[in-house]
Amino acid sequence: EIQKQCVLLVNSARKAGMRIFYTRH
């Protein structure tokens, strides 16, 4: 469910023209 919500969030950020950073611990 968290993964699905992240996909929706990333798609929304892309549509809004936001920068997206992926990090990993």
PDB file of all heavy atoms in Angstrom:
ATOM      1  N   GLU A   1       0.833  -1.211   0.000  1.00  0.00           N
ATOM      2  CA  GLU A   1       0.000   0.000   0.000  1.00  0.00           C
ATOM      3  C   GLU A   1       0.866   1.259   0.000  1.00  0.00           C
ATOM      4  O   GLU A   1       0.568   2.225  -0.694  1.00  0.00           O
ATOM      5  CB  GLU A   1      -0.944   0.006   1.208  1.00  0.00           C
ATOM      6  CG  GLU A   1      -1.869   1.191   1.244  1.00  0.00           C
ATOM      7  CD  GLU A   1      -2.769   1.317   0.022  1.00  0.00           C
ATOM      8  OE1 GLU A   1      -3.147   0.290  -0.577  1.00  0.00           O
ATOM      9  OE2 GLU A   1      -3.091   2.466  -0.332  1.00  0.00           O
ATOM     10  N   ILE A   2       1.949   1.239   0.769  1.00  0.00           N
ATOM     11  CA  ILE A   2       2.873   2.373   0.787  1.00  0.00           C
ATOM     12  C   ILE A   2       3.468   2.583  -0.604  1.00  0.00           C
ATOM     13  O   ILE A   2       3.575   3.709  -1.083  1.00  0.00           O
ATOM     14  CB  ILE A   2       3.988   2.154   1.835  1.00  0.00           C
ATOM     15  CG1 ILE A   2       3.382   2.207   3.238  1.00  0.00           C
ATOM     16  CG2 ILE A   2       5.097   3.186   1.678  1.00  0.00           C
ATOM     17  CD1 ILE A   2       4.325   1.762   4.334  1.00  0.00           C
ATOM     18  N   GLN A   3       3.832   1.493  -1.261  1.00  0.00           N
ATOM     19  CA  GLN A   3       4.399   1.571  -2.615  1.00  0.00           C
ATOM     20  C   GLN A   3       3.388   2.189  -3.586  1.00  0.00           C
ATOM     21  O   GLN A   3       3.741   3.061  -4.387  1.00  0.00           O
ATOM     22  CB  GLN A   3       4.817   0.188  -3.090  1.00  0.00           C
ATOM     23  CG  GLN A   3       5.453   0.185  -4.452  1.00  0.00           C
ATOM     24  CD  GLN A   3       5.830  -1.221  -4.901  1.00  0.00           C
ATOM     25  OE1 GLN A   3       5.397  -2.207  -4.321  1.00  0.00           O
ATOM     26  NE2 GLN A   3       6.637  -1.305  -5.926  1.00  0.00           N
ATOM     27  N   LYS A   4       2.144   1.776  -3.505  1.00  0.00           N
ATOM     28  CA  LYS A   4       1.107   2.334  -4.386  1.00  0.00           C
ATOM     29  C   LYS A   4       0.937   3.839  -4.151  1.00  0.00           C
ATOM     30  O   LYS A   4       0.797   4.610  -5.101  1.00  0.00           O
ATOM     31  CB  LYS A   4      -0.226   1.622  -4.154  1.00  0.00           C
ATOM     32  CG  LYS A   4      -0.263   0.215  -4.683  1.00  0.00           C
ATOM     33  CD  LYS A   4      -1.589  -0.450  -4.367  1.00  0.00           C
ATOM     34  CE  LYS A   4      -1.612  -1.892  -4.804  1.00  0.00           C
ATOM     35  NZ  LYS A   4      -2.885  -2.562  -4.445  1.00  0.00           N
ATOM     36  N   GLN A   5       0.939   4.252  -2.885  1.00  0.00           N
ATOM     37  CA  GLN A   5       0.793   5.666  -2.567  1.00  0.00           C
ATOM     38  C   GLN A   5       1.997   6.470  -3.060  1.00  0.00           C
ATOM     39  O   GLN A   5       1.847   7.609  -3.516  1.00  0.00           O
ATOM     40  CB  GLN A   5       0.600   5.858  -1.059  1.00  0.00           C
ATOM     41  CG  GLN A   5      -0.712   5.306  -0.538  1.00  0.00           C
ATOM     42  CD  GLN A   5      -1.921   5.968  -1.189  1.00  0.00           C
ATOM     43  OE1 GLN A   5      -1.967   7.180  -1.367  1.00  0.00           O
ATOM     44  NE2 GLN A   5      -2.899   5.160  -1.560  1.00  0.00           N
ATOM     45  N   CYS A   6       3.187   5.875  -2.985  1.00  0.00           N
ATOM     46  CA  CYS A   6       4.390   6.556  -3.490  1.00  0.00           C
ATOM     47  C   CYS A   6       4.312   6.752  -4.996  1.00  0.00           C
ATOM     48  O   CYS A   6       4.707   7.805  -5.504  1.00  0.00           O
ATOM     49  CB  CYS A   6       5.646   5.765  -3.128  1.00  0.00           C
ATOM     50  SG  CYS A   6       6.147   5.983  -1.412  1.00  0.00           S
ATOM     51  N   VAL A   7       3.805   5.767  -5.706  1.00  0.00           N
ATOM     52  CA  VAL A   7       3.646   5.888  -7.157  1.00  0.00           C
ATOM     53  C   VAL A   7       2.691   7.034  -7.482  1.00  0.00           C
ATOM     54  O   VAL A   7       2.961   7.855  -8.365  1.00  0.00           O
ATOM     55  CB  VAL A   7       3.166   4.557  -7.785  1.00  0.00           C
ATOM     56  CG1 VAL A   7       2.744   4.741  -9.229  1.00  0.00           C
ATOM     57  CG2 VAL A   7       4.245   3.499  -7.677  1.00  0.00           C
ATOM     58  N   LEU A   8       1.566   7.104  -6.759  1.00  0.00           N
ATOM     59  CA  LEU A   8       0.618   8.209  -6.973  1.00  0.00           C
ATOM     60  C   LEU A   8       1.261   9.558  -6.675  1.00  0.00           C
ATOM     61  O   LEU A   8       1.081  10.529  -7.418  1.00  0.00           O
ATOM     62  CB  LEU A   8      -0.620   8.023  -6.088  1.00  0.00           C
ATOM     63  CG  LEU A   8      -1.555   6.875  -6.448  1.00  0.00           C
ATOM     64  CD1 LEU A   8      -2.632   6.714  -5.376  1.00  0.00           C
ATOM     65  CD2 LEU A   8      -2.188   7.113  -7.802  1.00  0.00           C
ATOM     66  N   LEU A   9       2.024   9.612  -5.601  1.00  0.00           N
ATOM     67  CA  LEU A   9       2.692  10.851  -5.214  1.00  0.00           C
ATOM     68  C   LEU A   9       3.726  11.285  -6.245  1.00  0.00           C
ATOM     69  O   LEU A   9       3.789  12.458  -6.635  1.00  0.00           O
ATOM     70  CB  LEU A   9       3.349  10.667  -3.847  1.00  0.00           C
ATOM     71  CG  LEU A   9       3.936  11.886  -3.178  1.00  0.00           C
ATOM     72  CD1 LEU A   9       2.885  12.973  -3.003  1.00  0.00           C
ATOM     73  CD2 LEU A   9       4.537  11.506  -1.842  1.00  0.00           C
ATOM     74  N   VAL A  10       4.528  10.334  -6.730  1.00  0.00           N
ATOM     75  CA  VAL A  10       5.539  10.637  -7.750  1.00  0.00           C
ATOM     76  C   VAL A  10       4.863  11.123  -9.031  1.00  0.00           C
ATOM     77  O   VAL A  10       5.302  12.108  -9.643  1.00  0.00           O
ATOM     78  CB  VAL A  10       6.452   9.425  -8.013  1.00  0.00           C
ATOM     79  CG1 VAL A  10       7.272   9.604  -9.271  1.00  0.00           C
ATOM     80  CG2 VAL A  10       7.360   9.170  -6.813  1.00  0.00           C
ATOM     81  N   ASN A  11       3.801  10.453  -9.433  1.00  0.00           N
ATOM     82  CA  ASN A  11       3.088  10.877 -10.645  1.00  0.00           C
ATOM     83  C   ASN A  11       2.521  12.289 -10.493  1.00  0.00           C
ATOM     84  O   ASN A  11       2.584  13.097 -11.421  1.00  0.00           O
ATOM     85  CB  ASN A  11       1.978   9.880 -10.991  1.00  0.00           C
ATOM     86  CG  ASN A  11       2.527   8.581 -11.532  1.00  0.00           C
ATOM     87  OD1 ASN A  11       3.657   8.517 -12.010  1.00  0.00           O
ATOM     88  ND2 ASN A  11       1.747   7.522 -11.428  1.00  0.00           N
ATOM     89  N   SER A  12       1.975  12.594  -9.321  1.00  0.00           N
ATOM     90  CA  SER A  12       1.439  13.936  -9.071  1.00  0.00           C
ATOM     91  C   SER A  12       2.551  14.977  -9.084  1.00  0.00           C
ATOM     92  O   SER A  12       2.377  16.073  -9.623  1.00  0.00           O
ATOM     93  CB  SER A  12       0.721  13.968  -7.720  1.00  0.00           C
ATOM     94  OG  SER A  12      -0.403  13.124  -7.751  1.00  0.00           O
ATOM     95  N   ALA A  13       3.692  14.634  -8.485  1.00  0.00           N
ATOM     96  CA  ALA A  13       4.826  15.572  -8.470  1.00  0.00           C
ATOM     97  C   ALA A  13       5.334  15.829  -9.886  1.00  0.00           C
ATOM     98  O   ALA A  13       5.675  16.961 -10.226  1.00  0.00           O
ATOM     99  CB  ALA A  13       5.948  15.013  -7.589  1.00  0.00           C
ATOM    100  N   ARG A  14       5.378  14.795 -10.694  1.00  0.00           N
ATOM    101  CA  ARG A  14       5.808  14.976 -12.098  1.00  0.00           C
ATOM    102  C   ARG A  14       4.864  15.901 -12.841  1.00  0.00           C
ATOM    103  O   ARG A  14       5.301  16.799 -13.570  1.00  0.00           O
ATOM    104  CB  ARG A  14       5.874  13.624 -12.806  1.00  0.00           C
ATOM    105  CG  ARG A  14       7.083  12.814 -12.435  1.00  0.00           C
ATOM    106  CD  ARG A  14       7.159  11.528 -13.222  1.00  0.00           C
ATOM    107  NE  ARG A  14       8.333  10.776 -12.834  1.00  0.00           N
ATOM    108  CZ  ARG A  14       8.389   9.465 -12.739  1.00  0.00           C
ATOM    109  NH1 ARG A  14       7.324   8.728 -13.007  1.00  0.00           N
ATOM    110  NH2 ARG A  14       9.502   8.876 -12.371  1.00  0.00           N
ATOM    111  N   LYS A  15       3.551  15.681 -12.658  1.00  0.00           N
ATOM    112  CA  LYS A  15       2.564  16.536 -13.332  1.00  0.00           C
ATOM    113  C   LYS A  15       2.690  17.988 -12.894  1.00  0.00           C
ATOM    114  O   LYS A  15       2.460  18.905 -13.673  1.00  0.00           O
ATOM    115  CB  LYS A  15       1.146  16.039 -13.045  1.00  0.00           C
ATOM    116  CG  LYS A  15       0.773  14.795 -13.805  1.00  0.00           C
ATOM    117  CD  LYS A  15      -0.653  14.383 -13.493  1.00  0.00           C
ATOM    118  CE  LYS A  15      -0.976  13.071 -14.153  1.00  0.00           C
ATOM    119  NZ  LYS A  15      -2.337  12.609 -13.789  1.00  0.00           N
ATOM    120  N   ALA A  16       3.063  18.198 -11.634  1.00  0.00           N
ATOM    121  CA  ALA A  16       3.202  19.558 -11.105  1.00  0.00           C
ATOM    122  C   ALA A  16       4.539  20.184 -11.474  1.00  0.00           C
ATOM    123  O   ALA A  16       4.776  21.349 -11.176  1.00  0.00           O
ATOM    124  CB  ALA A  16       3.047  19.534  -9.588  1.00  0.00           C
ATOM    125  N   GLY A  17       5.428  19.417 -12.104  1.00  0.00           N
ATOM    126  CA  GLY A  17       6.720  19.948 -12.506  1.00  0.00           C
ATOM    127  C   GLY A  17       7.735  20.026 -11.371  1.00  0.00           C
ATOM    128  O   GLY A  17       8.693  20.787 -11.451  1.00  0.00           O
ATOM    129  N   MET A  18       7.500  19.245 -10.333  1.00  0.00           N
ATOM    130  CA  MET A  18       8.426  19.256  -9.188  1.00  0.00           C
ATOM    131  C   MET A  18       9.653  18.400  -9.475  1.00  0.00           C
ATOM    132  O   MET A  18       9.596  17.448 -10.231  1.00  0.00           O
ATOM    133  CB  MET A  18       7.723  18.708  -7.937  1.00  0.00           C
ATOM    134  CG  MET A  18       6.611  19.580  -7.433  1.00  0.00           C
ATOM    135  SD  MET A  18       5.700  18.833  -6.067  1.00  0.00           S
ATOM    136  CE  MET A  18       6.960  18.754  -4.822  1.00  0.00           C
ATOM    137  N   ARG A  19      10.743  18.753  -8.808  1.00  0.00           N
ATOM    138  CA  ARG A  19      11.938  17.907  -8.856  1.00  0.00           C
ATOM    139  C   ARG A  19      11.699  16.718  -7.941  1.00  0.00           C
ATOM    140  O   ARG A  19      11.031  16.839  -6.914  1.00  0.00           O
ATOM    141  CB  ARG A  19      13.159  18.683  -8.397  1.00  0.00           C
ATOM    142  CG  ARG A  19      13.560  19.777  -9.385  1.00  0.00           C
ATOM    143  CD  ARG A  19      14.562  20.688  -8.789  1.00  0.00           C
ATOM    144  NE  ARG A  19      13.837  21.509  -7.820  1.00  0.00           N
ATOM    145  CZ  ARG A  19      14.343  22.518  -7.174  1.00  0.00           C
ATOM    146  NH1 ARG A  19      15.592  22.840  -7.327  1.00  0.00           N
ATOM    147  NH2 ARG A  19      13.618  23.224  -6.340  1.00  0.00           N
ATOM    148  N   ILE A  20      12.248  15.570  -8.315  1.00  0.00           N
ATOM    149  CA  ILE A  20      12.084  14.349  -7.522  1.00  0.00           C
ATOM    150  C   ILE A  20      13.463  13.759  -7.262  1.00  0.00           C
ATOM    151  O   ILE A  20      14.249  13.577  -8.192  1.00  0.00           O
ATOM    152  CB  ILE A  20      11.192  13.320  -8.252  1.00  0.00           C
ATOM    153  CG1 ILE A  20       9.835  13.936  -8.579  1.00  0.00           C
ATOM    154  CG2 ILE A  20      11.023  12.063  -7.402  1.00  0.00           C
ATOM    155  CD1 ILE A  20       8.965  13.105  -9.479  1.00  0.00           C
ATOM    156  N   PHE A  21      13.740  13.483  -5.990  1.00  0.00           N
ATOM    157  CA  PHE A  21      15.003  12.877  -5.602  1.00  0.00           C
ATOM    158  C   PHE A  21      14.725  11.518  -4.966  1.00  0.00           C
ATOM    159  O   PHE A  21      13.857  11.405  -4.108  1.00  0.00           O
ATOM    160  CB  PHE A  21      15.743  13.759  -4.586  1.00  0.00           C
ATOM    161  CG  PHE A  21      16.140  15.091  -5.141  1.00  0.00           C
ATOM    162  CD1 PHE A  21      15.315  16.192  -5.006  1.00  0.00           C
ATOM    163  CD2 PHE A  21      17.343  15.238  -5.809  1.00  0.00           C
ATOM    164  CE1 PHE A  21      15.682  17.428  -5.517  1.00  0.00           C
ATOM    165  CE2 PHE A  21      17.713  16.473  -6.337  1.00  0.00           C
ATOM    166  CZ  PHE A  21      16.879  17.562  -6.182  1.00  0.00           C
ATOM    167  N   TYR A  22      15.465  10.520  -5.406  1.00  0.00           N
ATOM    168  CA  TYR A  22      15.364   9.185  -4.832  1.00  0.00           C
ATOM    169  C   TYR A  22      16.621   8.940  -4.008  1.00  0.00           C
ATOM    170  O   TYR A  22      17.734   9.129  -4.500  1.00  0.00           O
ATOM    171  CB  TYR A  22      15.258   8.125  -5.930  1.00  0.00           C
ATOM    172  CG  TYR A  22      14.014   8.269  -6.772  1.00  0.00           C
ATOM    173  CD1 TYR A  22      14.020   9.043  -7.926  1.00  0.00           C
ATOM    174  CD2 TYR A  22      12.834   7.650  -6.414  1.00  0.00           C
ATOM    175  CE1 TYR A  22      12.886   9.194  -8.702  1.00  0.00           C
ATOM    176  CE2 TYR A  22      11.689   7.788  -7.183  1.00  0.00           C
ATOM    177  CZ  TYR A  22      11.729   8.561  -8.327  1.00  0.00           C
ATOM    178  OH  TYR A  22      10.609   8.705  -9.087  1.00  0.00           O
ATOM    179  N   THR A  23      16.434   8.552  -2.762  1.00  0.00           N
ATOM    180  CA  THR A  23      17.581   8.279  -1.905  1.00  0.00           C
ATOM    181  C   THR A  23      17.478   6.862  -1.368  1.00  0.00           C
ATOM    182  O   THR A  23      16.424   6.246  -1.405  1.00  0.00           O
ATOM    183  CB  THR A  23      17.644   9.257  -0.718  1.00  0.00           C
ATOM    184  OG1 THR A  23      16.508   9.038   0.116  1.00  0.00           O
ATOM    185  CG2 THR A  23      17.678  10.687  -1.185  1.00  0.00           C
ATOM    186  N   ARG A  24      18.582   6.395  -0.843  1.00  0.00           N
ATOM    187  CA  ARG A  24      18.592   5.062  -0.271  1.00  0.00           C
ATOM    188  C   ARG A  24      19.538   5.060   0.913  1.00  0.00           C
ATOM    189  O   ARG A  24      20.605   5.654   0.869  1.00  0.00           O
ATOM    190  CB  ARG A  24      18.981   4.079  -1.353  1.00  0.00           C
ATOM    191  CG  ARG A  24      20.092   3.205  -1.086  1.00  0.00           C
ATOM    192  CD  ARG A  24      20.352   2.218  -2.193  1.00  0.00           C
ATOM    193  NE  ARG A  24      20.948   1.092  -1.530  1.00  0.00           N
ATOM    194  CZ  ARG A  24      21.731   0.223  -2.086  1.00  0.00           C
ATOM    195  NH1 ARG A  24      22.000   0.311  -3.349  1.00  0.00           N
ATOM    196  NH2 ARG A  24      22.221  -0.758  -1.399  1.00  0.00           N
ATOM    197  N   HIS A  25      19.118   4.418   1.958  1.00  0.00           N
ATOM    198  CA  HIS A  25      19.939   4.317   3.154  1.00  0.00           C
ATOM    199  C   HIS A  25      20.914   3.156   2.983  1.00  0.00           C
ATOM    200  O   HIS A  25      20.544   2.099   2.483  1.00  0.00           O
ATOM    201  CB  HIS A  25      19.058   4.072   4.371  1.00  0.00           C
ATOM    202  CG  HIS A  25      19.845   3.940   5.630  1.00  0.00           C
ATOM    203  ND1 HIS A  25      20.306   5.031   6.313  1.00  0.00           N
ATOM    204  CD2 HIS A  25      20.265   2.851   6.295  1.00  0.00           C
ATOM    205  CE1 HIS A  25      20.980   4.617   7.370  1.00  0.00           C
ATOM    206  NE2 HIS A  25      20.967   3.310   7.383  1.00  0.00           N
TER     207      HIS A  25
END
